[in-house]
Structures are given as C-alpha cells and as structure tokens.
Amino acid sequence: MQRRQLARAAAALPFLAAAPLLAPKRAEAASRTEINADVAAALVRLRGMSNAAPLFRSAKAVLVFPRIVSGGFIVGGQYGEGALVRGEATTGYYNIAGLSFGLLAGAQAAGLAMFFMTDDSLRALMNADGWEIGTGPTVVVLDRGVQANATSTTLTEPVYAITFNQQGLMAAVAVNGSKITRITPS
C-alpha cells in the first residue's frame, strides 16, 4: 500500500513542480506598457545571441512573444502575448494560442521570436484575421545548431522562428497549428 502511494506521489511531482509556470500573472490581458517592456527585454536578450545576428540584419520585422506558457496532459495548450517590431517601432500587438493532442505531459514557459524575411510574409501576417502557422508562408524553426550556421546568404525562407528562455518540463514550444491573432491591449 505504501509503495503505491509513493508511486503516485512520484508521478505527480513533475506536475506540481511545473504548476508555477502555468499560473497566470493576473486574470486580464497584459497592457501595452507591460507587453512593450517584456518585448524590449526579450529583444536585448535575442540581440545578445550571436547566432541571431543574421536574422536581425535581414528581417523586415520581428514578432516577439516574450513568454508563451504551455502545459498539458494528453491534451495541451499554449498562450502568449507579444508585439511586432519593425526597426525600433512597435507596429502591432498579437497573441499566440494553440491546442495539441498526443503523448505529452508537463508544463513550460518559453519565448518565441519570428523573423519575417520578406514583404509578402509580413503582409500575410498583417492582413490575416488570425494566421494559423502551417498555412500561408513557410515557417522554419531553427534549433541552436542550425542558427550557428545561418548567414544572410543562407536565409532563404519567408519566416524563421527561434525559441529562447525555456523553463519547465516540456521539450519545446509547438509552433505548427498555433494561431496568431492581432489584439488591442489597453
């Protein structure tokens, strides 16, 4: 009997450890000021990554989600808010949301930066009434090894995405199937 209780407690431990990642900062959406501050901090961190330099040099705009919270058990979800930055100006605010099904368990928080390399890919985002990743422009998610070899001459896809600041018990942010929607924060 004790062995069974210990096994249950051990199985629940990862979920209890990840619970703080799933706790929202507050009940309502973030304000423009909060999103701008989080995006600015994320951009500082991203610009400090030498392997992201070619992306910044060539991108028409960068969509930054400083914190996407993901979690689930068999059925999972994710949500985050961010901003589209062109040069030094914020040109819009967006959220990303998605559901997933399958063999998954855990929780995490991570940032996501999407580099729009062409005017057409940027227009697709800005003109869509909710853009589902996996439809429209191709999005290539770069891992650290590929990022290290990226140069302005090897970057030929319309959109590149990189994750940063991963914390928690899941392996990565799920991008395909996620929907990005323009929002108007207070």
Protein backbone atom coordinates (compact mmCIF):
# COMPACT_ATOMS: atom_id res chain seq x y z
CA MET A 1 0.00 0.00 0.00
CA GLN A 2 2.77 2.45 0.91
CA ARG A 3 4.60 1.62 -2.28
CA ARG A 4 1.52 2.55 -4.35
CA GLN A 5 1.17 5.87 -2.53
CA LEU A 6 4.85 6.64 -3.10
CA ALA A 7 4.49 5.81 -6.80
CA ARG A 8 1.50 8.18 -7.11
CA ALA A 9 3.36 10.93 -5.30
CA ALA A 10 6.40 10.46 -7.54
CA ALA A 11 4.22 10.57 -10.66
CA ALA A 12 2.60 13.82 -9.51
CA LEU A 13 5.89 15.53 -8.64
CA PRO A 14 6.68 16.86 -12.17
CA PHE A 15 3.23 18.43 -12.44
CA LEU A 16 3.48 20.05 -9.02
CA ALA A 17 6.92 21.40 -9.87
CA ALA A 18 5.60 22.88 -13.13
CA ALA A 19 2.47 24.42 -11.61
CA PRO A 20 4.03 27.88 -11.02
CA LEU A 21 4.74 28.15 -14.76
CA LEU A 22 1.06 27.76 -15.53
CA ALA A 23 -0.12 30.32 -13.00
CA PRO A 24 -1.13 33.48 -14.85
CA LYS A 25 0.41 36.76 -13.78
CA ARG A 26 -3.12 38.10 -13.49
CA ALA A 27 -6.63 37.47 -14.81
CA GLU A 28 -6.72 40.10 -17.59
CA ALA A 29 -4.57 40.52 -20.67
CA ALA A 30 -1.35 42.46 -20.40
CA SER A 31 -1.34 46.19 -21.12
CA ARG A 32 0.64 47.81 -23.95
CA THR A 33 3.15 49.05 -21.41
CA GLU A 34 3.68 45.56 -19.99
CA ILE A 35 3.97 43.95 -23.43
CA ASN A 36 6.39 46.67 -24.62
CA ALA A 37 8.61 46.20 -21.54
CA ASP A 38 8.67 42.41 -21.92
CA VAL A 39 9.37 42.63 -25.67
CA ALA A 40 12.18 45.16 -25.12
CA ALA A 41 13.84 42.85 -22.57
CA ALA A 42 13.44 39.88 -24.92
CA LEU A 43 14.98 41.84 -27.82
CA VAL A 44 18.01 42.70 -25.67
CA ARG A 45 18.47 39.02 -24.90
CA LEU A 46 17.95 37.98 -28.55
CA ARG A 47 20.35 40.61 -29.89
CA GLY A 48 22.95 39.29 -27.48
CA MET A 49 22.78 35.88 -29.15
CA SER A 50 25.46 35.96 -31.83
CA ASN A 51 23.71 33.30 -33.88
CA ALA A 52 20.61 35.53 -34.22
CA ALA A 53 22.56 38.44 -35.75
CA PRO A 54 22.00 37.37 -39.39
CA LEU A 55 18.26 37.16 -38.75
CA PHE A 56 18.12 40.68 -37.32
CA ARG A 57 20.17 42.07 -40.22
CA SER A 58 17.89 40.61 -42.91
CA ALA A 59 14.41 40.62 -41.31
CA LYS A 60 11.72 43.06 -42.41
CA ALA A 61 10.12 42.73 -38.95
CA VAL A 62 10.28 40.56 -35.83
CA LEU A 63 7.26 39.23 -33.95
CA VAL A 64 8.32 38.62 -30.35
CA PHE A 65 6.38 36.62 -27.78
CA PRO A 66 8.48 37.01 -24.61
CA ARG A 67 6.56 34.36 -22.64
CA ILE A 68 4.41 31.56 -24.01
CA VAL A 69 3.02 29.30 -21.32
CA SER A 70 2.43 25.71 -22.42
CA GLY A 71 1.11 22.76 -20.50
CA GLY A 72 -1.00 19.70 -20.60
CA PHE A 73 -1.51 16.04 -20.09
CA ILE A 74 -2.53 14.27 -23.32
CA VAL A 75 -4.40 17.46 -24.30
CA GLY A 76 -2.21 20.54 -24.13
CA GLY A 77 -2.45 24.23 -24.76
CA GLN A 78 -0.31 27.32 -25.04
CA TYR A 79 -0.84 31.06 -24.89
CA GLY A 80 1.28 34.18 -25.05
CA GLU A 81 1.17 37.86 -25.98
CA GLY A 82 3.73 39.88 -27.87
CA ALA A 83 4.44 42.63 -30.38
CA LEU A 84 5.53 43.09 -33.97
CA VAL A 85 8.63 45.28 -34.20
CA ARG A 86 9.86 46.95 -37.41
CA GLY A 87 13.17 48.68 -36.88
CA GLU A 88 12.70 50.21 -33.44
CA ALA A 89 8.93 50.79 -33.73
CA THR A 90 6.15 48.55 -32.45
CA THR A 91 3.60 48.20 -35.24
CA GLY A 92 1.07 45.83 -33.67
CA TYR A 93 0.23 43.52 -30.80
CA TYR A 94 -0.56 39.83 -31.16
CA ASN A 95 -1.36 36.73 -29.17
CA ILE A 96 -0.46 33.15 -29.96
CA ALA A 97 -2.67 30.27 -28.90
CA GLY A 98 -2.77 26.61 -29.71
CA LEU A 99 -4.01 23.19 -28.69
CA SER A 100 -2.26 19.89 -29.12
CA PHE A 101 -3.13 16.25 -28.59
CA GLY A 102 -0.98 13.21 -28.10
CA LEU A 103 1.61 11.78 -25.79
CA LEU A 104 2.52 14.86 -23.83
CA ALA A 105 2.79 15.76 -20.19
CA GLY A 106 4.27 18.71 -18.39
CA ALA A 107 4.44 22.48 -18.46
CA GLN A 108 6.86 25.14 -19.59
CA ALA A 109 7.30 28.79 -20.37
CA ALA A 110 9.42 29.95 -23.29
CA GLY A 111 9.86 32.91 -25.60
CA LEU A 112 9.41 32.81 -29.37
CA ALA A 113 10.76 35.23 -31.96
CA MET A 114 9.54 35.05 -35.55
CA PHE A 115 11.67 36.81 -38.15
CA PHE A 116 9.71 37.88 -41.24
CA MET A 117 12.25 37.92 -44.06
CA THR A 118 10.01 39.02 -46.95
CA ASP A 119 7.41 41.70 -47.51
CA ASP A 120 4.95 39.00 -48.66
CA SER A 121 5.27 37.00 -45.44
CA LEU A 122 4.83 40.16 -43.38
CA ARG A 123 1.72 41.12 -45.38
CA ALA A 124 0.30 37.63 -44.80
CA LEU A 125 0.55 38.18 -41.04
CA MET A 126 -0.78 41.72 -41.08
CA ASN A 127 -3.70 41.03 -43.46
CA ALA A 128 -4.86 37.78 -41.86
CA ASP A 129 -7.78 37.67 -39.48
CA GLY A 130 -5.86 35.22 -37.36
CA TRP A 131 -2.93 33.49 -39.01
CA GLU A 132 -2.61 29.76 -38.38
CA ILE A 133 1.01 28.69 -38.60
CA GLY A 134 1.29 25.93 -41.14
CA THR A 135 -0.92 27.76 -43.63
CA GLY A 136 0.47 30.56 -45.76
CA PRO A 137 4.17 31.45 -45.56
CA THR A 138 6.58 28.69 -44.58
CA VAL A 139 7.90 28.96 -41.03
CA VAL A 140 11.22 27.29 -40.32
CA VAL A 141 12.03 26.72 -36.66
CA LEU A 142 15.78 26.96 -36.15
CA ASP A 143 17.48 24.95 -33.47
CA ARG A 144 20.77 26.08 -31.95
CA GLY A 145 22.90 24.04 -34.37
CA VAL A 146 21.25 25.50 -37.46
CA GLN A 147 21.28 29.01 -36.01
CA ALA A 148 25.04 28.80 -35.59
CA ASN A 149 25.44 28.27 -39.35
CA ALA A 150 22.90 30.87 -40.53
CA THR A 151 24.16 33.73 -42.65
CA SER A 152 22.38 36.36 -44.70
CA THR A 153 23.08 34.32 -47.85
CA THR A 154 21.71 31.04 -46.43
CA LEU A 155 18.47 32.57 -45.12
CA THR A 156 16.05 31.88 -47.99
CA GLU A 157 12.76 31.03 -46.23
CA PRO A 158 9.96 33.59 -45.65
CA VAL A 159 9.82 33.22 -41.83
CA TYR A 160 12.28 31.89 -39.28
CA ALA A 161 11.41 31.19 -35.66
CA ILE A 162 13.68 30.68 -32.68
CA THR A 163 12.80 29.90 -29.10
CA PHE A 164 14.55 31.30 -26.05
CA ASN A 165 14.30 31.35 -22.25
CA GLN A 166 12.87 27.83 -21.99
CA GLN A 167 11.85 26.88 -18.45
CA GLY A 168 9.94 23.82 -17.37
CA LEU A 169 9.38 20.19 -18.16
CA MET A 170 8.33 20.11 -21.83
CA ALA A 171 10.78 19.89 -24.71
CA ALA A 172 9.77 22.81 -26.96
CA VAL A 173 7.15 25.34 -27.97
CA ALA A 174 4.77 23.82 -30.54
CA VAL A 175 4.54 26.18 -33.48
CA ASN A 176 2.56 24.37 -36.21
CA GLY A 177 -1.16 24.62 -35.60
CA SER A 178 -0.79 27.68 -33.39
CA LYS A 179 -2.88 30.69 -34.32
CA ILE A 180 -1.58 34.24 -34.18
CA THR A 181 -4.20 36.94 -33.82
CA ARG A 182 -3.91 40.72 -33.68
CA ILE A 183 -5.04 42.17 -30.33
CA THR A 184 -5.63 45.66 -28.95
CA PRO A 185 -4.29 45.79 -25.39
CA SER A 186 -5.27 48.60 -23.06
